[in-house]
PDB file of N, CA and C in Angstrom:
ATOM      1  N   MET A   1    -121.268 128.114  41.372  1.00  0.00           N
ATOM      2  CA  MET A   1    -122.256 128.429  42.391  1.00  0.00           C
ATOM      3  C   MET A   1    -123.232 129.479  41.836  1.00  0.00           C
ATOM      4  N   ALA A   2    -124.501 129.430  42.154  1.00  0.00           N
ATOM      5  CA  ALA A   2    -125.418 130.399  41.744  1.00  0.00           C
ATOM      6  C   ALA A   2    -125.049 131.791  42.317  1.00  0.00           C
ATOM      7  N   GLU A   3    -125.457 132.835  41.680  1.00  0.00           N
ATOM      8  CA  GLU A   3    -125.217 134.188  42.186  1.00  0.00           C
ATOM      9  C   GLU A   3    -126.170 134.479  43.414  1.00  0.00           C
ATOM     10  N   CYS A   4    -125.754 135.242  44.291  1.00  0.00           N
ATOM     11  CA  CYS A   4    -126.500 135.568  45.413  1.00  0.00           C
ATOM     12  C   CYS A   4    -126.972 137.042  45.366  1.00  0.00           C
ATOM     13  N   CYS A   5    -128.146 137.236  45.863  1.00  0.00           N
ATOM     14  CA  CYS A   5    -128.776 138.626  45.898  1.00  0.00           C
ATOM     15  C   CYS A   5    -128.379 139.449  47.135  1.00  0.00           C
ATOM     16  N   HIS A   6    -127.684 138.759  47.982  1.00  0.00           N
ATOM     17  CA  HIS A   6    -127.243 139.604  49.222  1.00  0.00           C
ATOM     18  C   HIS A   6    -125.834 140.010  49.128  1.00  0.00           C
ATOM     19  N   SER A   7    -125.558 141.234  48.800  1.00  0.00           N
ATOM     20  CA  SER A   7    -124.217 141.735  48.707  1.00  0.00           C
ATOM     21  C   SER A   7    -123.747 142.221  50.095  1.00  0.00           C
ATOM     22  N   GLU A   8    -122.448 142.323  50.244  1.00  0.00           N
ATOM     23  CA  GLU A   8    -121.839 142.703  51.525  1.00  0.00           C
ATOM     24  C   GLU A   8    -122.357 144.080  51.986  1.00  0.00           C
ATOM     25  N   ASP A   9    -122.607 144.978  51.081  1.00  0.00           N
ATOM     26  CA  ASP A   9    -123.044 146.316  51.478  1.00  0.00           C
ATOM     27  C   ASP A   9    -124.496 146.550  51.477  1.00  0.00           C
ATOM     28  N   SER A  10    -125.280 145.416  51.349  1.00  0.00           N
ATOM     29  CA  SER A  10    -126.763 145.589  51.473  1.00  0.00           C
ATOM     30  C   SER A  10    -127.133 145.808  52.907  1.00  0.00           C
ATOM     31  N   ALA A  11    -127.768 146.914  53.113  1.00  0.00           N
ATOM     32  CA  ALA A  11    -128.333 147.252  54.467  1.00  0.00           C
ATOM     33  C   ALA A  11    -129.751 146.611  54.504  1.00  0.00           C
ATOM     34  N   PRO A  12    -130.156 146.309  55.786  1.00  0.00           N
ATOM     35  CA  PRO A  12    -131.555 145.808  55.858  1.00  0.00           C
ATOM     36  C   PRO A  12    -132.527 146.799  55.269  1.00  0.00           C
ATOM     37  N   GLY A  13    -133.389 146.204  54.510  1.00  0.00           N
ATOM     38  CA  GLY A  13    -134.493 147.083  53.853  1.00  0.00           C
ATOM     39  C   GLY A  13    -134.044 147.704  52.518  1.00  0.00           C
ATOM     40  N   SER A  14    -132.823 147.474  52.149  1.00  0.00           N
ATOM     41  CA  SER A  14    -132.268 148.099  50.980  1.00  0.00           C
ATOM     42  C   SER A  14    -132.638 147.229  49.733  1.00  0.00           C
ATOM     43  N   ASP A  15    -132.485 147.716  48.580  1.00  0.00           N
ATOM     44  CA  ASP A  15    -132.751 146.978  47.383  1.00  0.00           C
ATOM     45  C   ASP A  15    -131.696 145.902  47.264  1.00  0.00           C
ATOM     46  N   LYS A  16    -131.961 144.616  47.155  1.00  0.00           N
ATOM     47  CA  LYS A  16    -131.118 143.545  46.940  1.00  0.00           C
ATOM     48  C   LYS A  16    -131.229 143.222  45.464  1.00  0.00           C
ATOM     49  N   ARG A  17    -130.065 143.005  44.884  1.00  0.00           N
ATOM     50  CA  ARG A  17    -130.127 142.672  43.448  1.00  0.00           C
ATOM     51  C   ARG A  17    -129.335 141.451  43.084  1.00  0.00           C
ATOM     52  N   VAL A  18    -129.790 140.746  42.056  1.00  0.00           N
ATOM     53  CA  VAL A  18    -129.039 139.593  41.585  1.00  0.00           C
ATOM     54  C   VAL A  18    -129.337 139.505  40.038  1.00  0.00           C
ATOM     55  N   GLU A  19    -128.283 139.093  39.361  1.00  0.00           N
ATOM     56  CA  GLU A  19    -128.380 138.875  37.955  1.00  0.00           C
ATOM     57  C   GLU A  19    -128.902 137.493  37.707  1.00  0.00           C
ATOM     58  N   GLN A  20    -130.061 137.340  37.161  1.00  0.00           N
ATOM     59  CA  GLN A  20    -130.601 136.003  36.960  1.00  0.00           C
ATOM     60  C   GLN A  20    -129.806 135.339  35.761  1.00  0.00           C
ATOM     61  N   PRO A  21    -129.366 134.122  36.028  1.00  0.00           N
ATOM     62  CA  PRO A  21    -128.543 133.428  34.998  1.00  0.00           C
ATOM     63  C   PRO A  21    -129.366 133.063  33.800  1.00  0.00           C
ATOM     64  N   ASP A  22    -130.688 133.028  33.936  1.00  0.00           N
ATOM     65  CA  ASP A  22    -131.512 132.683  32.818  1.00  0.00           C
ATOM     66  C   ASP A  22    -132.649 133.797  32.525  1.00  0.00           C
ATOM     67  N   LYS A  23    -132.051 134.959  32.604  1.00  0.00           N
ATOM     68  CA  LYS A  23    -133.028 136.161  32.538  1.00  0.00           C
ATOM     69  C   LYS A  23    -133.797 136.193  31.289  1.00  0.00           C
ATOM     70  N   SER A  24    -133.173 135.866  30.115  1.00  0.00           N
ATOM     71  CA  SER A  24    -133.918 135.948  28.914  1.00  0.00           C
ATOM     72  C   SER A  24    -135.017 134.934  28.825  1.00  0.00           C
ATOM     73  N   ALA A  25    -134.786 133.744  29.416  1.00  0.00           N
ATOM     74  CA  ALA A  25    -135.858 132.746  29.406  1.00  0.00           C
ATOM     75  C   ALA A  25    -136.999 133.104  30.341  1.00  0.00           C
ATOM     76  N   LEU A  26    -136.664 133.653  31.448  1.00  0.00           N
ATOM     77  CA  LEU A  26    -137.687 134.165  32.408  1.00  0.00           C
ATOM     78  C   LEU A  26    -138.463 135.285  31.720  1.00  0.00           C
ATOM     79  N   LEU A  27    -137.870 136.218  31.059  1.00  0.00           N
ATOM     80  CA  LEU A  27    -138.536 137.350  30.467  1.00  0.00           C
ATOM     81  C   LEU A  27    -139.457 136.807  29.324  1.00  0.00           C
ATOM     82  N   ALA A  28    -138.981 135.877  28.592  1.00  0.00           N
ATOM     83  CA  ALA A  28    -139.836 135.254  27.563  1.00  0.00           C
ATOM     84  C   ALA A  28    -141.024 134.573  28.159  1.00  0.00           C
ATOM     85  N   ARG A  29    -140.826 133.855  29.179  1.00  0.00           N
ATOM     86  CA  ARG A  29    -142.030 133.223  29.861  1.00  0.00           C
ATOM     87  C   ARG A  29    -142.995 134.259  30.385  1.00  0.00           C
ATOM     88  N   LEU A  30    -142.471 135.302  30.916  1.00  0.00           N
ATOM     89  CA  LEU A  30    -143.299 136.382  31.491  1.00  0.00           C
ATOM     90  C   LEU A  30    -144.113 137.061  30.312  1.00  0.00           C
ATOM     91  N   ALA A  31    -143.407 137.234  29.224  1.00  0.00           N
ATOM     92  CA  ALA A  31    -144.087 137.919  28.058  1.00  0.00           C
ATOM     93  C   ALA A  31    -145.207 136.997  27.556  1.00  0.00           C
ATOM     94  N   ARG A  32    -145.020 135.691  27.584  1.00  0.00           N
ATOM     95  CA  ARG A  32    -146.059 134.812  27.173  1.00  0.00           C
ATOM     96  C   ARG A  32    -147.275 134.864  28.122  1.00  0.00           C
ATOM     97  N   ILE A  33    -147.009 134.900  29.426  1.00  0.00           N
ATOM     98  CA  ILE A  33    -148.056 135.081  30.429  1.00  0.00           C
ATOM     99  C   ILE A  33    -148.781 136.360  30.299  1.00  0.00           C
ATOM    100  N   GLU A  34    -148.045 137.431  30.055  1.00  0.00           N
ATOM    101  CA  GLU A  34    -148.700 138.674  29.829  1.00  0.00           C
ATOM    102  C   GLU A  34    -149.641 138.659  28.642  1.00  0.00           C
ATOM    103  N   GLY A  35    -149.221 137.991  27.497  1.00  0.00           N
ATOM    104  CA  GLY A  35    -150.131 137.813  26.418  1.00  0.00           C
ATOM    105  C   GLY A  35    -151.328 136.951  26.758  1.00  0.00           C
ATOM    106  N   GLN A  36    -151.146 136.021  27.557  1.00  0.00           N
ATOM    107  CA  GLN A  36    -152.230 135.084  27.986  1.00  0.00           C
ATOM    108  C   GLN A  36    -153.253 135.900  28.813  1.00  0.00           C
ATOM    109  N   VAL A  37    -152.714 136.778  29.705  1.00  0.00           N
ATOM    110  CA  VAL A  37    -153.636 137.590  30.505  1.00  0.00           C
ATOM    111  C   VAL A  37    -154.420 138.651  29.690  1.00  0.00           C
ATOM    112  N   ARG A  38    -153.765 139.208  28.692  1.00  0.00           N
ATOM    113  CA  ARG A  38    -154.405 140.058  27.754  1.00  0.00           C
ATOM    114  C   ARG A  38    -155.499 139.322  27.045  1.00  0.00           C
ATOM    115  N   GLY A  39    -155.268 138.046  26.685  1.00  0.00           N
ATOM    116  CA  GLY A  39    -156.212 137.215  26.031  1.00  0.00           C
ATOM    117  C   GLY A  39    -157.436 136.977  26.976  1.00  0.00           C
ATOM    118  N   VAL A  40    -157.313 136.765  28.254  1.00  0.00           N
ATOM    119  CA  VAL A  40    -158.374 136.623  29.166  1.00  0.00           C
ATOM    120  C   VAL A  40    -159.186 137.870  29.276  1.00  0.00           C
ATOM    121  N   ALA A  41    -158.529 139.079  29.253  1.00  0.00           N
ATOM    122  CA  ALA A  41    -159.246 140.344  29.206  1.00  0.00           C
ATOM    123  C   ALA A  41    -160.118 140.438  28.026  1.00  0.00           C
ATOM    124  N   ARG A  42    -159.559 140.010  26.842  1.00  0.00           N
ATOM    125  CA  ARG A  42    -160.471 140.058  25.651  1.00  0.00           C
ATOM    126  C   ARG A  42    -161.574 139.079  25.761  1.00  0.00           C
ATOM    127  N   MET A  43    -161.376 137.944  26.407  1.00  0.00           N
ATOM    128  CA  MET A  43    -162.450 137.004  26.566  1.00  0.00           C
ATOM    129  C   MET A  43    -163.593 137.598  27.372  1.00  0.00           C
ATOM    130  N   VAL A  44    -163.236 138.358  28.483  1.00  0.00           N
ATOM    131  CA  VAL A  44    -164.205 139.002  29.340  1.00  0.00           C
ATOM    132  C   VAL A  44    -164.870 139.986  28.519  1.00  0.00           C
ATOM    133  N   GLU A  45    -164.155 140.804  27.785  1.00  0.00           N
ATOM    134  CA  GLU A  45    -164.765 141.875  26.947  1.00  0.00           C
ATOM    135  C   GLU A  45    -165.699 141.366  25.908  1.00  0.00           C
ATOM    136  N   GLU A  46    -165.456 140.170  25.411  1.00  0.00           N
ATOM    137  CA  GLU A  46    -166.278 139.533  24.389  1.00  0.00           C
ATOM    138  C   GLU A  46    -167.398 138.641  24.941  1.00  0.00           C
ATOM    139  N   ASP A  47    -167.570 138.697  26.266  1.00  0.00           N
ATOM    140  CA  ASP A  47    -168.553 137.985  26.944  1.00  0.00           C
ATOM    141  C   ASP A  47    -168.495 136.445  26.664  1.00  0.00           C
ATOM    142  N   ARG A  48    -167.278 135.947  26.685  1.00  0.00           N
ATOM    143  CA  ARG A  48    -167.093 134.545  26.502  1.00  0.00           C
ATOM    144  C   ARG A  48    -167.617 133.784  27.682  1.00  0.00           C
ATOM    145  N   TYR A  49    -167.742 132.421  27.483  1.00  0.00           N
ATOM    146  CA  TYR A  49    -168.329 131.535  28.462  1.00  0.00           C
ATOM    147  C   TYR A  49    -167.378 131.519  29.706  1.00  0.00           C
ATOM    148  N   CYS A  50    -168.025 131.639  30.864  1.00  0.00           N
ATOM    149  CA  CYS A  50    -167.333 131.683  32.135  1.00  0.00           C
ATOM    150  C   CYS A  50    -166.272 130.596  32.356  1.00  0.00           C
ATOM    151  N   VAL A  51    -166.613 129.332  32.023  1.00  0.00           N
ATOM    152  CA  VAL A  51    -165.765 128.218  32.252  1.00  0.00           C
ATOM    153  C   VAL A  51    -164.539 128.337  31.386  1.00  0.00           C
ATOM    154  N   ASP A  52    -164.698 128.823  30.135  1.00  0.00           N
ATOM    155  CA  ASP A  52    -163.429 129.040  29.317  1.00  0.00           C
ATOM    156  C   ASP A  52    -162.530 130.088  29.913  1.00  0.00           C
ATOM    157  N   ILE A  53    -163.035 131.196  30.409  1.00  0.00           N
ATOM    158  CA  ILE A  53    -162.311 132.259  31.094  1.00  0.00           C
ATOM    159  C   ILE A  53    -161.603 131.684  32.247  1.00  0.00           C
ATOM    160  N   LEU A  54    -162.294 130.944  33.078  1.00  0.00           N
ATOM    161  CA  LEU A  54    -161.706 130.284  34.315  1.00  0.00           C
ATOM    162  C   LEU A  54    -160.578 129.325  33.933  1.00  0.00           C
ATOM    163  N   THR A  55    -160.769 128.621  32.814  1.00  0.00           N
ATOM    164  CA  THR A  55    -159.788 127.675  32.405  1.00  0.00           C
ATOM    165  C   THR A  55    -158.437 128.464  32.017  1.00  0.00           C
ATOM    166  N   GLN A  56    -158.610 129.563  31.348  1.00  0.00           N
ATOM    167  CA  GLN A  56    -157.480 130.316  30.894  1.00  0.00           C
ATOM    168  C   GLN A  56    -156.790 131.028  32.100  1.00  0.00           C
ATOM    169  N   LEU A  57    -157.566 131.393  33.130  1.00  0.00           N
ATOM    170  CA  LEU A  57    -157.036 131.924  34.299  1.00  0.00           C
ATOM    171  C   LEU A  57    -156.181 130.927  35.075  1.00  0.00           C
ATOM    172  N   ALA A  58    -156.695 129.717  35.114  1.00  0.00           N
ATOM    173  CA  ALA A  58    -155.967 128.630  35.829  1.00  0.00           C
ATOM    174  C   ALA A  58    -154.637 128.333  35.164  1.00  0.00           C
ATOM    175  N   ALA A  59    -154.665 128.435  33.717  1.00  0.00           N
ATOM    176  CA  ALA A  59    -153.433 128.215  33.009  1.00  0.00           C
ATOM    177  C   ALA A  59    -152.407 129.350  33.260  1.00  0.00           C
ATOM    178  N   ALA A  60    -152.931 130.627  33.323  1.00  0.00           N
ATOM    179  CA  ALA A  60    -152.039 131.759  33.635  1.00  0.00           C
ATOM    180  C   ALA A  60    -151.476 131.628  35.030  1.00  0.00           C
ATOM    181  N   ARG A  61    -152.205 131.210  35.951  1.00  0.00           N
ATOM    182  CA  ARG A  61    -151.728 130.974  37.388  1.00  0.00           C
ATOM    183  C   ARG A  61    -150.748 129.910  37.384  1.00  0.00           C
ATOM    184  N   ALA A  62    -151.027 128.813  36.725  1.00  0.00           N
ATOM    185  CA  ALA A  62    -149.984 127.725  36.587  1.00  0.00           C
ATOM    186  C   ALA A  62    -148.645 128.223  36.097  1.00  0.00           C
ATOM    187  N   ALA A  63    -148.714 128.980  34.965  1.00  0.00           N
ATOM    188  CA  ALA A  63    -147.501 129.574  34.342  1.00  0.00           C
ATOM    189  C   ALA A  63    -146.753 130.502  35.291  1.00  0.00           C
ATOM    190  N   LEU A  64    -147.429 131.311  35.987  1.00  0.00           N
ATOM    191  CA  LEU A  64    -146.850 132.183  37.010  1.00  0.00           C
ATOM    192  C   LEU A  64    -146.159 131.360  38.183  1.00  0.00           C
ATOM    193  N   ASN A  65    -146.852 130.292  38.566  1.00  0.00           N
ATOM    194  CA  ASN A  65    -146.279 129.453  39.618  1.00  0.00           C
ATOM    195  C   ASN A  65    -145.029 128.841  39.084  1.00  0.00           C
ATOM    196  N   GLY A  66    -144.904 128.550  37.788  1.00  0.00           N
ATOM    197  CA  GLY A  66    -143.772 127.993  37.221  1.00  0.00           C
ATOM    198  C   GLY A  66    -142.647 128.870  37.344  1.00  0.00           C
ATOM    199  N   VAL A  67    -142.789 130.164  36.987  1.00  0.00           N
ATOM    200  CA  VAL A  67    -141.800 131.200  37.090  1.00  0.00           C
ATOM    201  C   VAL A  67    -141.401 131.377  38.562  1.00  0.00           C
ATOM    202  N   ALA A  68    -142.362 131.425  39.448  1.00  0.00           N
ATOM    203  CA  ALA A  68    -142.094 131.557  40.918  1.00  0.00           C
ATOM    204  C   ALA A  68    -141.145 130.382  41.410  1.00  0.00           C
ATOM    205  N   MET A  69    -141.507 129.188  40.985  1.00  0.00           N
ATOM    206  CA  MET A  69    -140.714 128.054  41.420  1.00  0.00           C
ATOM    207  C   MET A  69    -139.232 128.091  40.858  1.00  0.00           C
ATOM    208  N   GLN A  70    -139.079 128.535  39.619  1.00  0.00           N
ATOM    209  CA  GLN A  70    -137.766 128.780  39.076  1.00  0.00           C
ATOM    210  C   GLN A  70    -136.985 129.745  39.838  1.00  0.00           C
ATOM    211  N   LEU A  71    -137.596 130.862  40.191  1.00  0.00           N
ATOM    212  CA  LEU A  71    -136.925 131.923  40.937  1.00  0.00           C
ATOM    213  C   LEU A  71    -136.602 131.389  42.379  1.00  0.00           C
ATOM    214  N   LEU A  72    -137.487 130.730  43.019  1.00  0.00           N
ATOM    215  CA  LEU A  72    -137.329 130.179  44.298  1.00  0.00           C
ATOM    216  C   LEU A  72    -136.241 129.192  44.358  1.00  0.00           C
ATOM    217  N   THR A  73    -136.095 128.352  43.355  1.00  0.00           N
ATOM    218  CA  THR A  73    -135.075 127.361  43.283  1.00  0.00           C
ATOM    219  C   THR A  73    -133.715 128.040  43.141  1.00  0.00           C
ATOM    220  N   HIS A  74    -133.632 129.068  42.330  1.00  0.00           N
ATOM    221  CA  HIS A  74    -132.495 129.825  42.066  1.00  0.00           C
ATOM    222  C   HIS A  74    -132.002 130.487  43.423  1.00  0.00           C
ATOM    223  N   HIS A  75    -132.925 131.067  44.136  1.00  0.00           N
ATOM    224  CA  HIS A  75    -132.693 131.747  45.393  1.00  0.00           C
ATOM    225  C   HIS A  75    -132.145 130.700  46.427  1.00  0.00           C
ATOM    226  N   ALA A  76    -132.853 129.557  46.472  1.00  0.00           N
ATOM    227  CA  ALA A  76    -132.347 128.556  47.520  1.00  0.00           C
ATOM    228  C   ALA A  76    -130.912 128.055  47.185  1.00  0.00           C
ATOM    229  N   HIS A  77    -130.716 127.872  45.933  1.00  0.00           N
ATOM    230  CA  HIS A  77    -129.369 127.232  45.550  1.00  0.00           C
ATOM    231  C   HIS A  77    -128.298 128.401  45.546  1.00  0.00           C
ATOM    232  N   GLY A  78    -128.674 129.615  45.534  1.00  0.00           N
ATOM    233  CA  GLY A  78    -127.662 130.682  45.481  1.00  0.00           C
ATOM    234  C   GLY A  78    -127.620 131.382  46.814  1.00  0.00           C
ATOM    235  N   CYS A  79    -128.568 132.248  47.022  1.00  0.00           N
ATOM    236  CA  CYS A  79    -128.608 133.164  48.278  1.00  0.00           C
ATOM    237  C   CYS A  79    -128.593 132.383  49.620  1.00  0.00           C
ATOM    238  N   VAL A  80    -129.563 131.447  49.629  1.00  0.00           N
ATOM    239  CA  VAL A  80    -129.800 130.763  50.897  1.00  0.00           C
ATOM    240  C   VAL A  80    -128.559 129.860  51.227  1.00  0.00           C
ATOM    241  N   GLN A  81    -128.120 129.129  50.165  1.00  0.00           N
ATOM    242  CA  GLN A  81    -126.899 128.268  50.372  1.00  0.00           C
ATOM    243  C   GLN A  81    -125.688 129.120  50.778  1.00  0.00           C
ATOM    244  N   GLN A  82    -125.518 130.280  50.207  1.00  0.00           N
ATOM    245  CA  GLN A  82    -124.336 131.086  50.539  1.00  0.00           C
ATOM    246  C   GLN A  82    -124.486 131.612  51.964  1.00  0.00           C
ATOM    247  N   ALA A  83    -125.684 131.919  52.367  1.00  0.00           N
ATOM    248  CA  ALA A  83    -125.964 132.470  53.768  1.00  0.00           C
ATOM    249  C   ALA A  83    -125.692 131.347  54.740  1.00  0.00           C
ATOM    250  N   ILE A  84    -126.100 130.135  54.462  1.00  0.00           N
ATOM    251  CA  ILE A  84    -125.801 129.037  55.375  1.00  0.00           C
ATOM    252  C   ILE A  84    -124.289 128.849  55.493  1.00  0.00           C
ATOM    253  N   GLN A  85    -123.541 128.884  54.402  1.00  0.00           N
ATOM    254  CA  GLN A  85    -122.141 128.722  54.443  1.00  0.00           C
ATOM    255  C   GLN A  85    -121.482 129.780  55.183  1.00  0.00           C
ATOM    256  N   SER A  86    -122.002 130.988  55.179  1.00  0.00           N
ATOM    257  CA  SER A  86    -121.396 132.126  55.948  1.00  0.00           C
ATOM    258  C   SER A  86    -121.850 132.271  57.324  1.00  0.00           C
ATOM    259  N   GLY A  87    -122.764 131.370  57.862  1.00  0.00           N
ATOM    260  CA  GLY A  87    -123.230 131.428  59.155  1.00  0.00           C
ATOM    261  C   GLY A  87    -124.340 132.210  59.362  1.00  0.00           C
ATOM    262  N   GLU A  88    -124.991 132.748  58.355  1.00  0.00           N
ATOM    263  CA  GLU A  88    -126.202 133.506  58.444  1.00  0.00           C
ATOM    264  C   GLU A  88    -127.560 132.736  57.972  1.00  0.00           C
ATOM    265  N   GLY A  89    -127.406 131.425  58.200  1.00  0.00           N
ATOM    266  CA  GLY A  89    -128.464 130.525  57.631  1.00  0.00           C
ATOM    267  C   GLY A  89    -129.836 130.692  58.203  1.00  0.00           C
ATOM    268  N   GLU A  90    -129.824 131.038  59.501  1.00  0.00           N
ATOM    269  CA  GLU A  90    -131.142 131.123  60.218  1.00  0.00           C
ATOM    270  C   GLU A  90    -131.997 132.271  59.586  1.00  0.00           C
ATOM    271  N   ALA A  91    -131.387 133.401  59.458  1.00  0.00           N
ATOM    272  CA  ALA A  91    -132.140 134.534  58.863  1.00  0.00           C
ATOM    273  C   ALA A  91    -132.561 134.195  57.335  1.00  0.00           C
ATOM    274  N   ALA A  92    -131.726 133.592  56.593  1.00  0.00           N
ATOM    275  CA  ALA A  92    -132.044 133.253  55.226  1.00  0.00           C
ATOM    276  C   ALA A  92    -133.163 132.250  55.109  1.00  0.00           C
ATOM    277  N   LEU A  93    -133.083 131.159  56.069  1.00  0.00           N
ATOM    278  CA  LEU A  93    -134.138 130.242  56.010  1.00  0.00           C
ATOM    279  C   LEU A  93    -135.430 130.905  56.489  1.00  0.00           C
ATOM    280  N   ASP A  94    -135.465 131.830  57.469  1.00  0.00           N
ATOM    281  CA  ASP A  94    -136.680 132.519  57.802  1.00  0.00           C
ATOM    282  C   ASP A  94    -137.246 133.253  56.628  1.00  0.00           C
ATOM    283  N   GLU A  95    -136.366 133.980  55.871  1.00  0.00           N
ATOM    284  CA  GLU A  95    -136.867 134.697  54.719  1.00  0.00           C
ATOM    285  C   GLU A  95    -137.360 133.812  53.658  1.00  0.00           C
ATOM    286  N   LEU A  96    -136.705 132.639  53.483  1.00  0.00           N
ATOM    287  CA  LEU A  96    -137.188 131.652  52.474  1.00  0.00           C
ATOM    288  C   LEU A  96    -138.556 131.141  52.837  1.00  0.00           C
ATOM    289  N   MET A  97    -138.709 130.831  54.084  1.00  0.00           N
ATOM    290  CA  MET A  97    -139.977 130.232  54.506  1.00  0.00           C
ATOM    291  C   MET A  97    -141.196 131.279  54.450  1.00  0.00           C
ATOM    292  N   ALA A  98    -140.810 132.559  54.738  1.00  0.00           N
ATOM    293  CA  ALA A  98    -141.739 133.562  54.623  1.00  0.00           C
ATOM    294  C   ALA A  98    -142.176 133.788  53.151  1.00  0.00           C
ATOM    295  N   THR A  99    -141.220 133.654  52.212  1.00  0.00           N
ATOM    296  CA  THR A  99    -141.505 133.755  50.808  1.00  0.00           C
ATOM    297  C   THR A  99    -142.379 132.603  50.370  1.00  0.00           C
ATOM    298  N   VAL A 100    -142.025 131.378  50.816  1.00  0.00           N
ATOM    299  CA  VAL A 100    -142.810 130.207  50.373  1.00  0.00           C
ATOM    300  C   VAL A 100    -144.300 130.353  50.898  1.00  0.00           C
ATOM    301  N   LYS A 101    -144.404 130.907  52.153  1.00  0.00           N
ATOM    302  CA  LYS A 101    -145.770 131.158  52.721  1.00  0.00           C
ATOM    303  C   LYS A 101    -146.520 132.061  51.845  1.00  0.00           C
ATOM    304  N   LYS A 102    -145.882 133.100  51.317  1.00  0.00           N
ATOM    305  CA  LYS A 102    -146.575 134.104  50.382  1.00  0.00           C
ATOM    306  C   LYS A 102    -147.023 133.348  49.093  1.00  0.00           C
ATOM    307  N   LEU A 103    -146.190 132.481  48.645  1.00  0.00           N
ATOM    308  CA  LEU A 103    -146.583 131.777  47.431  1.00  0.00           C
ATOM    309  C   LEU A 103    -147.728 130.747  47.592  1.00  0.00           C
ATOM    310  N   LEU A 104    -147.832 130.227  48.771  1.00  0.00           N
ATOM    311  CA  LEU A 104    -148.918 129.335  49.070  1.00  0.00           C
ATOM    312  C   LEU A 104    -150.207 130.042  49.365  1.00  0.00           C
TER     313      LEU A 104
END
């Protein structure tokens, strides 16, 4: 089962932590996105064509959405699933839906 970010001693509003099973892959993806954003800044600095900059921004946004979906999937299969099994599913589902709303 996936690891859950809600520990027994987590008080409301406290920092919740989870060890990501694919942390190195996530960090590698984020590093590539960071490089992509730096490239967009260079394009602006160099007065590149607007459409080219917008195209790169769309690619960076799509890459960030991919990371978000990976994290959301892990959360649903770990934290939310565990909360449902322990009888705390309503709050976990509310939190999940609020998170999805932020992403949309």
